[in-house]
Amino acid sequence: MTETAHAAITLPEIKITAPGEAKAHLPKAGEAVLSALMIRAMRAHADSLGGEKTAKTVSISVDVTGADFAGGEVALSSKVDRQTRTIIFMSGTLSADGTTLLKATSIFRLTDA
């Protein structure tokens, strides 16, 4: 096996504009960075719903559209599909200039902080 050097990636700050709505500005980015940004936004939304509890990731599925992202502002949107006392099922999208770049679904477990 060969050892591969990986560059450290710093994700941009997400600006929450409303529950389940956020924006971020970043340079040209690939699917991995955009997916990580979507996961961060969905987790922030789930955390906001937990009250005293913390949202822990159980499962995330990301579907990409294949559309290119040349950089700029992205809009992140998530919604609760179903919530129980301890589980949150969510879906979300990340788009730029009105074009959907990816869709995601997730499950979070609410646990004591």
Protein backbone atom coordinates (compact mmCIF):
# COMPACT_ATOMS: atom_id res chain seq x y z
CA MET A 1 0.00 0.00 0.00
CA THR A 2 1.06 3.53 -0.58
CA GLU A 3 0.47 6.37 1.80
CA THR A 4 -1.57 9.23 0.40
CA ALA A 5 -1.39 12.76 1.74
CA HIS A 6 -4.75 14.41 2.25
CA ALA A 7 -5.14 18.15 2.36
CA ALA A 8 -6.99 19.48 5.38
CA ILE A 9 -10.37 20.89 4.42
CA THR A 10 -11.90 23.68 6.44
CA LEU A 11 -15.62 23.99 5.95
CA PRO A 12 -17.05 27.50 5.79
CA GLU A 13 -19.27 28.83 8.53
CA ILE A 14 -22.97 28.20 8.08
CA LYS A 15 -25.24 31.17 8.69
CA ILE A 16 -28.60 29.99 10.04
CA THR A 17 -31.32 32.27 8.64
CA ALA A 18 -34.38 30.42 10.03
CA PRO A 19 -35.09 26.97 11.48
CA GLY A 20 -34.05 24.55 8.76
CA GLU A 21 -32.68 27.30 6.52
CA ALA A 22 -29.03 28.29 6.19
CA LYS A 23 -26.55 29.84 3.78
CA ALA A 24 -22.81 29.51 3.28
CA HIS A 25 -20.27 31.02 0.93
CA LEU A 26 -17.40 28.92 -0.38
CA PRO A 27 -15.00 28.61 -3.28
CA LYS A 28 -15.32 25.90 -5.91
CA ALA A 29 -16.01 22.63 -4.10
CA GLY A 30 -16.64 19.01 -4.91
CA GLU A 31 -19.34 16.64 -3.75
CA ALA A 32 -17.52 15.62 -0.56
CA VAL A 33 -17.28 19.19 0.75
CA LEU A 34 -20.86 20.00 -0.22
CA SER A 35 -22.07 16.79 1.45
CA ALA A 36 -20.19 17.63 4.66
CA LEU A 37 -21.74 21.10 4.64
CA MET A 38 -25.23 19.62 4.23
CA ILE A 39 -24.61 17.17 7.09
CA ARG A 40 -23.46 20.04 9.32
CA ALA A 41 -26.59 22.08 8.51
CA MET A 42 -28.93 19.15 9.16
CA ARG A 43 -27.26 18.36 12.46
CA ALA A 44 -27.54 22.00 13.56
CA HIS A 45 -31.26 21.87 12.75
CA ALA A 46 -31.68 18.58 14.66
CA ASP A 47 -29.77 20.03 17.64
CA SER A 48 -32.13 23.01 17.70
CA LEU A 49 -35.08 20.63 18.06
CA GLY A 50 -33.59 18.61 20.90
CA GLY A 51 -34.03 21.12 23.71
CA GLU A 52 -31.76 19.86 26.50
CA LYS A 53 -30.77 16.83 24.40
CA THR A 54 -28.02 16.55 21.79
CA ALA A 55 -28.56 15.15 18.30
CA LYS A 56 -26.26 12.23 17.46
CA THR A 57 -25.98 11.03 13.88
CA VAL A 58 -27.46 7.57 13.23
CA SER A 59 -27.65 7.53 9.42
CA ILE A 60 -27.14 9.86 6.49
CA SER A 61 -27.75 9.26 2.80
CA VAL A 62 -26.67 11.78 0.17
CA ASP A 63 -27.73 11.82 -3.47
CA VAL A 64 -25.82 14.14 -5.81
CA THR A 65 -27.20 15.56 -9.03
CA GLY A 66 -23.88 15.85 -10.86
CA ALA A 67 -24.29 19.59 -11.37
CA ASP A 68 -21.01 21.52 -11.13
CA PHE A 69 -20.42 24.08 -8.39
CA ALA A 70 -18.00 26.84 -9.37
CA GLY A 71 -18.12 28.63 -6.03
CA GLY A 72 -20.32 31.24 -4.41
CA GLU A 73 -23.27 31.09 -2.07
CA VAL A 74 -25.18 27.89 -1.35
CA ALA A 75 -28.59 27.58 0.26
CA LEU A 76 -29.15 24.70 2.67
CA SER A 77 -32.65 23.65 3.54
CA SER A 78 -33.79 20.86 5.87
CA LYS A 79 -37.14 19.74 7.19
CA VAL A 80 -38.35 17.26 9.75
CA ASP A 81 -40.15 14.37 8.11
CA ARG A 82 -40.99 12.69 11.43
CA GLN A 83 -39.95 13.14 15.04
CA THR A 84 -40.44 10.89 18.04
CA ARG A 85 -39.31 11.46 21.59
CA THR A 86 -35.78 10.23 20.77
CA ILE A 87 -35.45 10.07 16.96
CA ILE A 88 -35.59 12.75 14.23
CA PHE A 89 -36.01 11.81 10.56
CA MET A 90 -35.02 14.66 8.23
CA SER A 91 -34.56 15.48 4.57
CA GLY A 92 -32.75 18.37 2.99
CA THR A 93 -31.33 19.99 -0.11
CA LEU A 94 -28.31 22.07 -0.98
CA SER A 95 -28.64 24.40 -3.96
CA ALA A 96 -26.80 27.23 -5.68
CA ASP A 97 -28.33 29.77 -8.06
CA GLY A 98 -31.60 27.83 -8.03
CA THR A 99 -29.94 24.55 -9.06
CA THR A 100 -30.16 21.60 -6.67
CA LEU A 101 -26.69 20.13 -6.17
CA LEU A 102 -27.58 17.42 -3.68
CA LYS A 103 -30.36 15.93 -1.59
CA ALA A 104 -29.93 14.20 1.74
CA THR A 105 -31.91 12.20 4.24
CA SER A 106 -30.82 11.61 7.81
CA ILE A 107 -31.73 10.08 11.13
CA PHE A 108 -30.60 11.60 14.42
CA ARG A 109 -30.97 10.18 17.93
CA LEU A 110 -31.61 12.64 20.75
CA THR A 111 -29.46 11.84 23.78
CA ASP A 112 -28.73 13.51 27.09
CA ALA A 113 -25.98 16.10 26.70
